[in-house]
Amino acid sequence: MSNSKNNLTQKLSELEKLLEWFEQDDLDIEQALEKYEKGQELAGSIREQLSSIENKITVLEKRFDKES
């Protein structure tokens, strides 16, 4: 899980850097398109990872409820 956490943290950090780049006053439209596409890929990957974590938590909760 630690590797997964680091991976997720890295992706979130990279997405945050992209967002900061977009906050600049002077944007190059071609660079903006590339960075937007990268941001969409990162967001999708983060969403998938969070969904997987959520599913694992649900399984653990069900297992805990059965044992209680």
C-alpha atoms as a PDB file:
ATOM      1  CA  MET A   1       0.000   0.000   0.000  1.00  0.00           C
ATOM      2  CA  SER A   2       2.925   2.336   0.674  1.00  0.00           C
ATOM      3  CA  ASN A   3       3.986   2.262  -2.978  1.00  0.00           C
ATOM      4  CA  SER A   4       0.404   2.931  -4.027  1.00  0.00           C
ATOM      5  CA  LYS A   5       0.221   5.826  -1.564  1.00  0.00           C
ATOM      6  CA  ASN A   6       3.462   7.310  -2.912  1.00  0.00           C
ATOM      7  CA  ASN A   7       2.201   6.915  -6.456  1.00  0.00           C
ATOM      8  CA  LEU A   8      -1.064   8.642  -5.602  1.00  0.00           C
ATOM      9  CA  THR A   9       0.782  11.403  -3.752  1.00  0.00           C
ATOM     10  CA  GLN A  10       3.070  11.939  -6.747  1.00  0.00           C
ATOM     11  CA  LYS A  11       0.115  12.137  -9.115  1.00  0.00           C
ATOM     12  CA  LEU A  12      -1.677  14.641  -6.891  1.00  0.00           C
ATOM     13  CA  SER A  13       1.489  16.726  -6.644  1.00  0.00           C
ATOM     14  CA  GLU A  14       1.939  16.687 -10.414  1.00  0.00           C
ATOM     15  CA  LEU A  15      -1.698  17.684 -10.931  1.00  0.00           C
ATOM     16  CA  GLU A  16      -1.265  20.529  -8.446  1.00  0.00           C
ATOM     17  CA  LYS A  17       1.787  21.783 -10.383  1.00  0.00           C
ATOM     18  CA  LEU A  18      -0.248  21.740 -13.589  1.00  0.00           C
ATOM     19  CA  LEU A  19      -2.988  23.755 -11.905  1.00  0.00           C
ATOM     20  CA  GLU A  20      -0.434  26.293 -10.697  1.00  0.00           C
ATOM     21  CA  TRP A  21       0.903  26.595 -14.250  1.00  0.00           C
ATOM     22  CA  PHE A  22      -2.596  27.438 -15.487  1.00  0.00           C
ATOM     23  CA  GLU A  23      -2.806  30.265 -12.950  1.00  0.00           C
ATOM     24  CA  GLN A  24      -0.106  32.184 -14.847  1.00  0.00           C
ATOM     25  CA  ASP A  25      -1.090  35.346 -16.645  1.00  0.00           C
ATOM     26  CA  ASP A  26       0.648  34.537 -19.934  1.00  0.00           C
ATOM     27  CA  LEU A  27      -0.251  31.098 -21.312  1.00  0.00           C
ATOM     28  CA  ASP A  28       0.921  29.480 -24.520  1.00  0.00           C
ATOM     29  CA  ILE A  29      -2.111  27.833 -26.119  1.00  0.00           C
ATOM     30  CA  GLU A  30      -0.187  24.799 -27.428  1.00  0.00           C
ATOM     31  CA  GLN A  31       1.449  24.180 -24.067  1.00  0.00           C
ATOM     32  CA  ALA A  32      -1.898  24.702 -22.370  1.00  0.00           C
ATOM     33  CA  LEU A  33      -3.491  22.006 -24.523  1.00  0.00           C
ATOM     34  CA  GLU A  34      -0.702  19.537 -23.734  1.00  0.00           C
ATOM     35  CA  LYS A  35      -0.888  20.291 -20.028  1.00  0.00           C
ATOM     36  CA  TYR A  36      -4.687  20.047 -20.062  1.00  0.00           C
ATOM     37  CA  GLU A  37      -4.499  16.602 -21.668  1.00  0.00           C
ATOM     38  CA  LYS A  38      -1.895  15.513 -19.111  1.00  0.00           C
ATOM     39  CA  GLY A  39      -4.118  16.839 -16.325  1.00  0.00           C
ATOM     40  CA  GLN A  40      -7.079  14.866 -17.655  1.00  0.00           C
ATOM     41  CA  GLU A  41      -4.974  11.690 -17.721  1.00  0.00           C
ATOM     42  CA  LEU A  42      -3.760  12.296 -14.168  1.00  0.00           C
ATOM     43  CA  ALA A  43      -7.258  13.053 -12.899  1.00  0.00           C
ATOM     44  CA  GLY A  44      -8.592   9.859 -14.472  1.00  0.00           C
ATOM     45  CA  SER A  45      -5.790   7.795 -12.994  1.00  0.00           C
ATOM     46  CA  ILE A  46      -6.288   9.367  -9.558  1.00  0.00           C
ATOM     47  CA  ARG A  47     -10.027   8.725  -9.782  1.00  0.00           C
ATOM     48  CA  GLU A  48      -9.394   5.042 -10.593  1.00  0.00           C
ATOM     49  CA  GLN A  49      -6.931   4.685  -7.741  1.00  0.00           C
ATOM     50  CA  LEU A  50      -9.293   6.311  -5.252  1.00  0.00           C
ATOM     51  CA  SER A  51     -12.126   4.067  -6.428  1.00  0.00           C
ATOM     52  CA  SER A  52      -9.937   1.023  -5.847  1.00  0.00           C
ATOM     53  CA  ILE A  53      -9.081   2.231  -2.354  1.00  0.00           C
ATOM     54  CA  GLU A  54     -12.762   2.869  -1.661  1.00  0.00           C
ATOM     55  CA  ASN A  55     -13.617  -0.684  -2.769  1.00  0.00           C
ATOM     56  CA  LYS A  56     -10.945  -2.121  -0.463  1.00  0.00           C
ATOM     57  CA  ILE A  57     -12.337  -0.117   2.453  1.00  0.00           C
ATOM     58  CA  THR A  58     -15.849  -1.386   1.700  1.00  0.00           C
ATOM     59  CA  VAL A  59     -14.593  -4.986   1.715  1.00  0.00           C
ATOM     60  CA  LEU A  60     -12.792  -4.420   5.015  1.00  0.00           C
ATOM     61  CA  GLU A  61     -15.882  -2.823   6.559  1.00  0.00           C
ATOM     62  CA  LYS A  62     -18.034  -5.782   5.515  1.00  0.00           C
ATOM     63  CA  ARG A  63     -15.476  -8.201   6.921  1.00  0.00           C
ATOM     64  CA  PHE A  64     -15.349  -6.235  10.177  1.00  0.00           C
ATOM     65  CA  ASP A  65     -19.154  -6.175  10.430  1.00  0.00           C
ATOM     66  CA  LYS A  66     -19.303  -9.974  10.021  1.00  0.00           C
ATOM     67  CA  GLU A  67     -16.713 -10.482  12.755  1.00  0.00           C
ATOM     68  CA  SER A  68     -18.475  -8.145  15.186  1.00  0.00           C
END
